[in-house]
Amino acid sequence: MKAISSKLNMYIRSIDVVNNNNLEKLTLNIILWSFGALALSYVLLMGNMVLNIVERQGLETRARALTTEVRNLEVTYLSMSNRVDLELSYSMGFEETKPVFATRKSLGFAPASLDKLKVTHNGL
C-alpha cells in the first residue's frame, strides 16, 4: 500500500496542470500588444490635435484678414456716402419732386357737437 501511495504521489507531482511557460509568454504578448496599441492611439490623437491647432490658427489669420477687408470697405462706403449731396444727385439726373398730399373731408364730426361731449376727469 505504501508503494502505491508513493507511486501516486510521484505521479501527481510530475503532472504540470498549468503550463507556466506558455502562460507567461501569452501574458507578456498581451501586455506588449496592448502597450503598442495604446502608443499608436496616443500618436494618432496627438497628431490629430496638432493638425487641428494648425488649421485653427490658419482660420484665425484668415478671419483677421477678412475683418480688415470689411473694415476698409466700411470706411470706403462712409467716405462715399459723405460725398452724396444735392449737386451730385442733380448731376446724376435726379430731380426734386413736388409733394402732393391727399386730403379728404371728415366723416361726421361736427364742431357744433362739442357742446354735447362730456369729459370726465380721472382722480389719479
Protein backbone atom coordinates (compact mmCIF):
# COMPACT_ATOMS: atom_id res chain seq x y z
CA MET A 1 0.00 0.00 0.00
CA LYS A 2 2.87 2.27 0.79
CA ALA A 3 4.36 1.64 -2.63
CA ILE A 4 1.11 2.58 -4.40
CA SER A 5 0.82 5.76 -2.32
CA SER A 6 4.39 6.72 -3.13
CA LYS A 7 3.86 5.97 -6.83
CA LEU A 8 0.65 8.05 -6.89
CA ASN A 9 2.35 10.93 -5.07
CA MET A 10 5.23 10.93 -7.60
CA TYR A 11 2.77 10.81 -10.49
CA ILE A 12 0.78 13.79 -9.16
CA ARG A 13 3.92 15.90 -8.63
CA SER A 14 5.14 15.17 -12.12
CA ILE A 15 1.90 16.32 -13.76
CA ASP A 16 2.09 20.00 -14.77
CA VAL A 17 -1.52 21.20 -14.65
CA VAL A 18 -0.74 24.74 -15.81
CA ASN A 19 2.00 25.18 -18.35
CA ASN A 20 3.66 28.29 -16.91
CA ASN A 21 5.97 28.82 -19.89
CA ASN A 22 3.08 29.38 -22.30
CA LEU A 23 1.09 31.42 -19.78
CA GLU A 24 3.99 33.81 -19.16
CA LYS A 25 4.62 34.25 -22.89
CA LEU A 26 0.93 34.83 -23.51
CA THR A 27 0.72 37.43 -20.72
CA LEU A 28 3.84 39.21 -21.99
CA ASN A 29 2.48 39.24 -25.55
CA ILE A 30 -0.86 40.68 -24.39
CA ILE A 31 0.88 43.41 -22.38
CA LEU A 32 3.23 44.32 -25.26
CA TRP A 33 0.45 44.39 -27.87
CA SER A 34 -1.73 46.50 -25.55
CA PHE A 35 1.15 48.91 -24.99
CA GLY A 36 1.74 49.13 -28.74
CA ALA A 37 -1.96 49.77 -29.43
CA LEU A 38 -2.08 52.49 -26.76
CA ALA A 39 1.09 54.10 -28.10
CA LEU A 40 -0.33 54.09 -31.64
CA SER A 41 -3.62 55.60 -30.40
CA TYR A 42 -1.68 58.27 -28.50
CA VAL A 43 0.37 59.19 -31.57
CA LEU A 44 -2.75 59.38 -33.75
CA LEU A 45 -4.65 61.54 -31.25
CA MET A 46 -1.71 63.90 -30.72
CA GLY A 47 -1.18 64.22 -34.47
CA ASN A 48 -4.87 64.98 -34.95
CA MET A 49 -4.76 67.65 -32.22
CA VAL A 50 -1.67 69.28 -33.74
CA LEU A 51 -3.31 69.38 -37.17
CA ASN A 52 -6.46 70.91 -35.69
CA ILE A 53 -4.42 73.58 -33.89
CA VAL A 54 -2.55 74.48 -37.08
CA GLU A 55 -5.81 74.63 -39.04
CA ARG A 56 -7.45 76.81 -36.37
CA GLN A 57 -4.53 79.25 -36.45
CA GLY A 58 -4.82 79.45 -40.22
CA LEU A 59 -8.56 80.13 -39.93
CA GLU A 60 -7.94 82.82 -37.31
CA THR A 61 -5.44 84.50 -39.64
CA ARG A 62 -7.99 84.35 -42.48
CA ALA A 63 -10.69 85.79 -40.18
CA ARG A 64 -8.42 88.70 -39.23
CA ALA A 65 -7.74 89.39 -42.92
CA LEU A 66 -11.47 89.34 -43.70
CA THR A 67 -12.19 91.63 -40.75
CA THR A 68 -9.62 94.09 -42.05
CA GLU A 69 -11.11 93.91 -45.54
CA VAL A 70 -14.63 94.55 -44.19
CA ARG A 71 -13.35 97.47 -42.13
CA ASN A 72 -11.72 99.00 -45.22
CA LEU A 73 -14.92 98.55 -47.21
CA GLU A 74 -16.93 100.23 -44.45
CA VAL A 75 -14.55 103.20 -44.45
CA THR A 76 -14.84 103.41 -48.24
CA TYR A 77 -18.64 103.29 -48.00
CA LEU A 78 -18.75 106.01 -45.36
CA SER A 79 -16.43 108.28 -47.33
CA MET A 80 -18.53 107.78 -50.46
CA SER A 81 -21.80 108.37 -48.60
CA ASN A 82 -20.45 111.64 -47.14
CA ARG A 83 -19.88 112.94 -50.69
CA VAL A 84 -23.53 112.49 -51.67
CA ASP A 85 -25.36 115.83 -51.77
CA LEU A 86 -27.96 117.64 -53.89
CA GLU A 87 -25.44 118.76 -56.50
CA LEU A 88 -24.27 115.21 -57.09
CA SER A 89 -27.83 113.94 -57.35
CA TYR A 90 -28.73 116.71 -59.84
CA SER A 91 -25.63 115.89 -61.90
CA MET A 92 -26.71 112.24 -61.99
CA GLY A 93 -30.16 113.16 -63.33
CA PHE A 94 -32.28 113.11 -60.20
CA GLU A 95 -34.89 115.82 -59.80
CA GLU A 96 -36.65 117.10 -56.73
CA THR A 97 -40.34 116.31 -56.73
CA LYS A 98 -43.19 118.45 -55.54
CA PRO A 99 -45.06 116.68 -52.76
CA VAL A 100 -48.74 116.02 -53.35
CA PHE A 101 -50.81 115.23 -50.30
CA ALA A 102 -54.17 113.51 -50.29
CA THR A 103 -56.87 115.26 -48.27
CA ARG A 104 -60.45 114.39 -47.50
CA LYS A 105 -63.32 115.74 -45.53
CA SER A 106 -64.14 114.41 -42.11
CA LEU A 107 -66.90 111.86 -41.93
CA GLY A 108 -69.38 113.22 -39.47
CA PHE A 109 -67.52 115.14 -36.83
CA ALA A 110 -69.29 118.43 -36.50
CA PRO A 111 -67.76 121.18 -34.38
CA ALA A 112 -71.25 122.07 -33.13
CA SER A 113 -71.45 118.76 -31.31
CA LEU A 114 -68.61 119.72 -28.97
CA ASP A 115 -71.17 121.06 -26.51
CA LYS A 116 -72.71 117.64 -26.20
CA LEU A 117 -69.43 115.92 -25.35
CA LYS A 118 -68.90 115.26 -21.70
CA VAL A 119 -65.32 114.92 -20.41
CA THR A 120 -64.79 113.25 -17.07
CA HIS A 121 -61.63 113.70 -15.08
CA ASN A 122 -59.85 110.80 -13.57
CA GLY A 123 -58.89 111.23 -9.94
CA LEU A 124 -55.43 109.80 -10.47
